[in-house]
Amino acid sequence: MVPTAAVVYVASWWGWFVSDNGYNRQWATAHPADATWSWVPDAARSWWNYHAQILDFHRGLSTPHVY
């Protein structure tokens, strides 16, 4: 079940991968990879960085909710 969920999740990003103007889509172009990560396609590196930014944002939320 986990592999199916992973495939569906990545497929849901199809529009982001095929566009050139998606949010943070060109991040890897502006930040070239070092020798360790040079084999990873730029789109995948940009996608990973986007997710890292999302995680960082949510880790920093500290405003309590009234509900």
PDB file of N, CA and C in Angstrom:
ATOM      1  N   MET A   1       0.819  -1.188   0.000  1.00  0.00           N
ATOM      2  CA  MET A   1       0.000   0.000   0.000  1.00  0.00           C
ATOM      3  C   MET A   1       0.878   1.274   0.000  1.00  0.00           C
ATOM      4  N   VAL A   2       1.992   1.250   0.698  1.00  0.00           N
ATOM      5  CA  VAL A   2       2.869   2.421   0.757  1.00  0.00           C
ATOM      6  C   VAL A   2       3.430   2.775  -0.621  1.00  0.00           C
ATOM      7  N   PRO A   3       3.912   1.802  -1.411  1.00  0.00           N
ATOM      8  CA  PRO A   3       4.386   2.168  -2.751  1.00  0.00           C
ATOM      9  C   PRO A   3       3.298   2.804  -3.615  1.00  0.00           C
ATOM     10  N   THR A   4       2.075   2.312  -3.503  1.00  0.00           N
ATOM     11  CA  THR A   4       0.967   2.893  -4.263  1.00  0.00           C
ATOM     12  C   THR A   4       0.721   4.332  -3.837  1.00  0.00           C
ATOM     13  N   ALA A   5       0.740   4.578  -2.541  1.00  0.00           N
ATOM     14  CA  ALA A   5       0.546   5.940  -2.041  1.00  0.00           C
ATOM     15  C   ALA A   5       1.673   6.852  -2.514  1.00  0.00           C
ATOM     16  N   ALA A   6       2.896   6.361  -2.517  1.00  0.00           N
ATOM     17  CA  ALA A   6       4.033   7.169  -2.971  1.00  0.00           C
ATOM     18  C   ALA A   6       3.905   7.513  -4.453  1.00  0.00           C
ATOM     19  N   VAL A   7       3.508   6.548  -5.266  1.00  0.00           N
ATOM     20  CA  VAL A   7       3.327   6.801  -6.699  1.00  0.00           C
ATOM     21  C   VAL A   7       2.211   7.807  -6.932  1.00  0.00           C
ATOM     22  N   VAL A   8       1.119   7.682  -6.221  1.00  0.00           N
ATOM     23  CA  VAL A   8       0.003   8.621  -6.372  1.00  0.00           C
ATOM     24  C   VAL A   8       0.421  10.019  -5.925  1.00  0.00           C
ATOM     25  N   TYR A   9       1.169  10.117  -4.846  1.00  0.00           N
ATOM     26  CA  TYR A   9       1.621  11.425  -4.369  1.00  0.00           C
ATOM     27  C   TYR A   9       2.515  12.110  -5.390  1.00  0.00           C
ATOM     28  N   VAL A  10       3.490  11.377  -5.906  1.00  0.00           N
ATOM     29  CA  VAL A  10       4.394  11.961  -6.910  1.00  0.00           C
ATOM     30  C   VAL A  10       3.616  12.312  -8.173  1.00  0.00           C
ATOM     31  N   ALA A  11       2.683  11.468  -8.568  1.00  0.00           N
ATOM     32  CA  ALA A  11       1.862  11.752  -9.755  1.00  0.00           C
ATOM     33  C   ALA A  11       1.016  13.004  -9.565  1.00  0.00           C
ATOM     34  N   SER A  12       0.625  13.297  -8.333  1.00  0.00           N
ATOM     35  CA  SER A  12      -0.178  14.498  -8.090  1.00  0.00           C
ATOM     36  C   SER A  12       0.622  15.776  -8.333  1.00  0.00           C
ATOM     37  N   TRP A  13       1.938  15.662  -8.394  1.00  0.00           N
ATOM     38  CA  TRP A  13       2.815  16.792  -8.676  1.00  0.00           C
ATOM     39  C   TRP A  13       3.144  16.904 -10.159  1.00  0.00           C
ATOM     40  N   TRP A  14       2.481  16.125 -10.995  1.00  0.00           N
ATOM     41  CA  TRP A  14       2.751  16.095 -12.422  1.00  0.00           C
ATOM     42  C   TRP A  14       2.774  17.491 -13.026  1.00  0.00           C
ATOM     43  N   GLY A  15       1.780  18.311 -12.737  1.00  0.00           N
ATOM     44  CA  GLY A  15       1.709  19.667 -13.279  1.00  0.00           C
ATOM     45  C   GLY A  15       2.913  20.513 -12.903  1.00  0.00           C
ATOM     46  N   TRP A  16       3.396  20.360 -11.709  1.00  0.00           N
ATOM     47  CA  TRP A  16       4.568  21.114 -11.255  1.00  0.00           C
ATOM     48  C   TRP A  16       5.815  20.671 -12.013  1.00  0.00           C
ATOM     49  N   PHE A  17       5.955  19.365 -12.223  1.00  0.00           N
ATOM     50  CA  PHE A  17       7.128  18.847 -12.909  1.00  0.00           C
ATOM     51  C   PHE A  17       7.185  19.242 -14.381  1.00  0.00           C
ATOM     52  N   VAL A  18       6.043  19.311 -15.051  1.00  0.00           N
ATOM     53  CA  VAL A  18       6.061  19.613 -16.484  1.00  0.00           C
ATOM     54  C   VAL A  18       6.074  21.105 -16.778  1.00  0.00           C
ATOM     55  N   SER A  19       5.804  21.936 -15.790  1.00  0.00           N
ATOM     56  CA  SER A  19       5.825  23.380 -16.026  1.00  0.00           C
ATOM     57  C   SER A  19       7.217  23.933 -15.730  1.00  0.00           C
ATOM     58  N   ASP A  20       7.494  25.082 -16.304  1.00  0.00           N
ATOM     59  CA  ASP A  20       8.756  25.753 -16.015  1.00  0.00           C
ATOM     60  C   ASP A  20       8.581  26.882 -15.013  1.00  0.00           C
ATOM     61  N   ASN A  21       7.336  27.233 -14.715  1.00  0.00           N
ATOM     62  CA  ASN A  21       7.105  28.386 -13.852  1.00  0.00           C
ATOM     63  C   ASN A  21       6.391  28.028 -12.554  1.00  0.00           C
ATOM     64  N   GLY A  22       6.415  26.757 -12.156  1.00  0.00           N
ATOM     65  CA  GLY A  22       5.862  26.376 -10.872  1.00  0.00           C
ATOM     66  C   GLY A  22       6.669  26.998  -9.743  1.00  0.00           C
ATOM     67  N   TYR A  23       6.047  27.153  -8.585  1.00  0.00           N
ATOM     68  CA  TYR A  23       6.739  27.767  -7.454  1.00  0.00           C
ATOM     69  C   TYR A  23       8.036  27.018  -7.158  1.00  0.00           C
ATOM     70  N   ASN A  24       9.137  27.743  -7.138  1.00  0.00           N
ATOM     71  CA  ASN A  24      10.460  27.220  -6.791  1.00  0.00           C
ATOM     72  C   ASN A  24      10.949  26.146  -7.764  1.00  0.00           C
ATOM     73  N   ARG A  25      10.360  26.097  -8.957  1.00  0.00           N
ATOM     74  CA  ARG A  25      10.691  25.051  -9.935  1.00  0.00           C
ATOM     75  C   ARG A  25      12.127  25.158 -10.440  1.00  0.00           C
ATOM     76  N   GLN A  26      12.670  26.338 -10.510  1.00  0.00           N
ATOM     77  CA  GLN A  26      14.021  26.536 -11.044  1.00  0.00           C
ATOM     78  C   GLN A  26      15.080  26.673  -9.947  1.00  0.00           C
ATOM     79  N   TRP A  27      14.768  26.242  -8.738  1.00  0.00           N
ATOM     80  CA  TRP A  27      15.701  26.364  -7.625  1.00  0.00           C
ATOM     81  C   TRP A  27      17.033  25.670  -7.934  1.00  0.00           C
ATOM     82  N   ALA A  28      16.995  24.468  -8.470  1.00  0.00           N
ATOM     83  CA  ALA A  28      18.221  23.705  -8.723  1.00  0.00           C
ATOM     84  C   ALA A  28      19.086  24.363  -9.791  1.00  0.00           C
ATOM     85  N   THR A  29      18.465  25.074 -10.715  1.00  0.00           N
ATOM     86  CA  THR A  29      19.236  25.779 -11.733  1.00  0.00           C
ATOM     87  C   THR A  29      20.051  26.895 -11.099  1.00  0.00           C
ATOM     88  N   ALA A  30      19.464  27.564 -10.125  1.00  0.00           N
ATOM     89  CA  ALA A  30      20.156  28.656  -9.440  1.00  0.00           C
ATOM     90  C   ALA A  30      21.144  28.155  -8.383  1.00  0.00           C
ATOM     91  N   HIS A  31      21.018  26.887  -7.981  1.00  0.00           N
ATOM     92  CA  HIS A  31      21.890  26.289  -6.961  1.00  0.00           C
ATOM     93  C   HIS A  31      22.466  24.981  -7.506  1.00  0.00           C
ATOM     94  N   PRO A  32      23.542  25.069  -8.283  1.00  0.00           N
ATOM     95  CA  PRO A  32      24.119  23.853  -8.879  1.00  0.00           C
ATOM     96  C   PRO A  32      24.532  22.827  -7.822  1.00  0.00           C
ATOM     97  N   ALA A  33      24.399  21.568  -8.187  1.00  0.00           N
ATOM     98  CA  ALA A  33      24.718  20.480  -7.260  1.00  0.00           C
ATOM     99  C   ALA A  33      26.223  20.277  -7.149  1.00  0.00           C
ATOM    100  N   ASP A  34      26.656  19.821  -5.975  1.00  0.00           N
ATOM    101  CA  ASP A  34      28.058  19.433  -5.839  1.00  0.00           C
ATOM    102  C   ASP A  34      28.219  18.030  -6.443  1.00  0.00           C
ATOM    103  N   ALA A  35      29.400  17.502  -6.409  1.00  0.00           N
ATOM    104  CA  ALA A  35      29.684  16.213  -7.052  1.00  0.00           C
ATOM    105  C   ALA A  35      28.839  15.077  -6.487  1.00  0.00           C
ATOM    106  N   THR A  36      28.485  15.164  -5.216  1.00  0.00           N
ATOM    107  CA  THR A  36      27.710  14.102  -4.576  1.00  0.00           C
ATOM    108  C   THR A  36      26.323  13.965  -5.171  1.00  0.00           C
ATOM    109  N   TRP A  37      25.674  15.085  -5.476  1.00  0.00           N
ATOM    110  CA  TRP A  37      24.284  15.072  -5.936  1.00  0.00           C
ATOM    111  C   TRP A  37      24.121  15.425  -7.410  1.00  0.00           C
ATOM    112  N   SER A  38      25.202  15.459  -8.162  1.00  0.00           N
ATOM    113  CA  SER A  38      25.120  15.864  -9.566  1.00  0.00           C
ATOM    114  C   SER A  38      24.333  14.879 -10.425  1.00  0.00           C
ATOM    115  N   TRP A  39      24.150  13.654  -9.979  1.00  0.00           N
ATOM    116  CA  TRP A  39      23.410  12.644 -10.735  1.00  0.00           C
ATOM    117  C   TRP A  39      21.898  12.812 -10.607  1.00  0.00           C
ATOM    118  N   VAL A  40      21.443  13.584  -9.613  1.00  0.00           N
ATOM    119  CA  VAL A  40      20.011  13.787  -9.394  1.00  0.00           C
ATOM    120  C   VAL A  40      19.504  14.869 -10.350  1.00  0.00           C
ATOM    121  N   PRO A  41      18.433  14.606 -11.086  1.00  0.00           N
ATOM    122  CA  PRO A  41      17.903  15.617 -12.004  1.00  0.00           C
ATOM    123  C   PRO A  41      17.511  16.899 -11.260  1.00  0.00           C
ATOM    124  N   ASP A  42      17.658  18.029 -11.937  1.00  0.00           N
ATOM    125  CA  ASP A  42      17.344  19.320 -11.323  1.00  0.00           C
ATOM    126  C   ASP A  42      15.908  19.384 -10.827  1.00  0.00           C
ATOM    127  N   ALA A  43      14.976  18.810 -11.567  1.00  0.00           N
ATOM    128  CA  ALA A  43      13.566  18.845 -11.149  1.00  0.00           C
ATOM    129  C   ALA A  43      13.388  18.136  -9.808  1.00  0.00           C
ATOM    130  N   ALA A  44      14.048  17.005  -9.636  1.00  0.00           N
ATOM    131  CA  ALA A  44      13.940  16.261  -8.369  1.00  0.00           C
ATOM    132  C   ALA A  44      14.594  17.028  -7.231  1.00  0.00           C
ATOM    133  N   ARG A  45      15.718  17.686  -7.485  1.00  0.00           N
ATOM    134  CA  ARG A  45      16.371  18.484  -6.441  1.00  0.00           C
ATOM    135  C   ARG A  45      15.503  19.674  -6.048  1.00  0.00           C
ATOM    136  N   SER A  46      14.886  20.321  -7.028  1.00  0.00           N
ATOM    137  CA  SER A  46      13.998  21.447  -6.737  1.00  0.00           C
ATOM    138  C   SER A  46      12.791  20.985  -5.932  1.00  0.00           C
ATOM    139  N   TRP A  47      12.254  19.831  -6.296  1.00  0.00           N
ATOM    140  CA  TRP A  47      11.087  19.273  -5.599  1.00  0.00           C
ATOM    141  C   TRP A  47      11.436  18.940  -4.151  1.00  0.00           C
ATOM    142  N   TRP A  48      12.608  18.349  -3.948  1.00  0.00           N
ATOM    143  CA  TRP A  48      13.056  18.023  -2.592  1.00  0.00           C
ATOM    144  C   TRP A  48      13.233  19.299  -1.760  1.00  0.00           C
ATOM    145  N   ASN A  49      13.838  20.331  -2.370  1.00  0.00           N
ATOM    146  CA  ASN A  49      14.031  21.585  -1.652  1.00  0.00           C
ATOM    147  C   ASN A  49      12.694  22.228  -1.307  1.00  0.00           C
ATOM    148  N   TYR A  50      11.740  22.153  -2.212  1.00  0.00           N
ATOM    149  CA  TYR A  50      10.399  22.685  -1.963  1.00  0.00           C
ATOM    150  C   TYR A  50       9.796  21.994  -0.744  1.00  0.00           C
ATOM    151  N   HIS A  51       9.899  20.686  -0.668  1.00  0.00           N
ATOM    152  CA  HIS A  51       9.368  19.948   0.476  1.00  0.00           C
ATOM    153  C   HIS A  51      10.120  20.290   1.762  1.00  0.00           C
ATOM    154  N   ALA A  52      11.427  20.514   1.657  1.00  0.00           N
ATOM    155  CA  ALA A  52      12.200  20.915   2.837  1.00  0.00           C
ATOM    156  C   ALA A  52      11.727  22.274   3.344  1.00  0.00           C
ATOM    157  N   GLN A  53      11.412  23.197   2.442  1.00  0.00           N
ATOM    158  CA  GLN A  53      10.889  24.503   2.840  1.00  0.00           C
ATOM    159  C   GLN A  53       9.523  24.372   3.505  1.00  0.00           C
ATOM    160  N   ILE A  54       8.687  23.499   2.974  1.00  0.00           N
ATOM    161  CA  ILE A  54       7.365  23.267   3.568  1.00  0.00           C
ATOM    162  C   ILE A  54       7.525  22.730   4.991  1.00  0.00           C
ATOM    163  N   LEU A  55       8.393  21.742   5.162  1.00  0.00           N
ATOM    164  CA  LEU A  55       8.634  21.166   6.484  1.00  0.00           C
ATOM    165  C   LEU A  55       9.186  22.206   7.449  1.00  0.00           C
ATOM    166  N   ASP A  56      10.132  22.999   6.989  1.00  0.00           N
ATOM    167  CA  ASP A  56      10.725  24.035   7.835  1.00  0.00           C
ATOM    168  C   ASP A  56       9.676  25.055   8.270  1.00  0.00           C
ATOM    169  N   PHE A  57       8.798  25.441   7.348  1.00  0.00           N
ATOM    170  CA  PHE A  57       7.734  26.381   7.690  1.00  0.00           C
ATOM    171  C   PHE A  57       6.832  25.811   8.780  1.00  0.00           C
ATOM    172  N   HIS A  58       6.416  24.568   8.614  1.00  0.00           N
ATOM    173  CA  HIS A  58       5.489  23.983   9.580  1.00  0.00           C
ATOM    174  C   HIS A  58       6.143  23.674  10.923  1.00  0.00           C
ATOM    175  N   ARG A  59       7.427  23.427  10.916  1.00  0.00           N
ATOM    176  CA  ARG A  59       8.126  23.241  12.191  1.00  0.00           C
ATOM    177  C   ARG A  59       8.204  24.544  12.976  1.00  0.00           C
ATOM    178  N   GLY A  60       8.196  25.661  12.263  1.00  0.00           N
ATOM    179  CA  GLY A  60       8.330  26.962  12.911  1.00  0.00           C
ATOM    180  C   GLY A  60       7.020  27.559  13.387  1.00  0.00           C
ATOM    181  N   LEU A  61       5.896  26.917  13.086  1.00  0.00           N
ATOM    182  CA  LEU A  61       4.615  27.458  13.528  1.00  0.00           C
ATOM    183  C   LEU A  61       4.497  27.311  15.039  1.00  0.00           C
ATOM    184  N   SER A  62       4.172  28.389  15.692  1.00  0.00           N
ATOM    185  CA  SER A  62       4.060  28.296  17.150  1.00  0.00           C
ATOM    186  C   SER A  62       2.866  29.068  17.681  1.00  0.00           C
ATOM    187  N   THR A  63       2.068  29.662  16.815  1.00  0.00           N
ATOM    188  CA  THR A  63       0.904  30.399  17.267  1.00  0.00           C
ATOM    189  C   THR A  63      -0.169  29.438  17.740  1.00  0.00           C
ATOM    190  N   PRO A  64      -0.582  29.540  18.983  1.00  0.00           N
ATOM    191  CA  PRO A  64      -1.621  28.624  19.474  1.00  0.00           C
ATOM    192  C   PRO A  64      -2.979  28.957  18.856  1.00  0.00           C
ATOM    193  N   HIS A  65      -3.779  27.946  18.698  1.00  0.00           N
ATOM    194  CA  HIS A  65      -5.126  28.119  18.161  1.00  0.00           C
ATOM    195  C   HIS A  65      -6.126  28.129  19.323  1.00  0.00           C
ATOM    196  N   VAL A  66      -7.226  28.836  19.138  1.00  0.00           N
ATOM    197  CA  VAL A  66      -8.221  28.944  20.208  1.00  0.00           C
ATOM    198  C   VAL A  66      -9.164  27.737  20.236  1.00  0.00           C
ATOM    199  N   TYR A  67      -9.132  26.906  19.240  1.00  0.00           N
ATOM    200  CA  TYR A  67     -10.022  25.767  19.212  1.00  0.00           C
ATOM    201  C   TYR A  67      -9.362  24.483  19.657  1.00  0.00           C
TER     202      TYR A  67
END
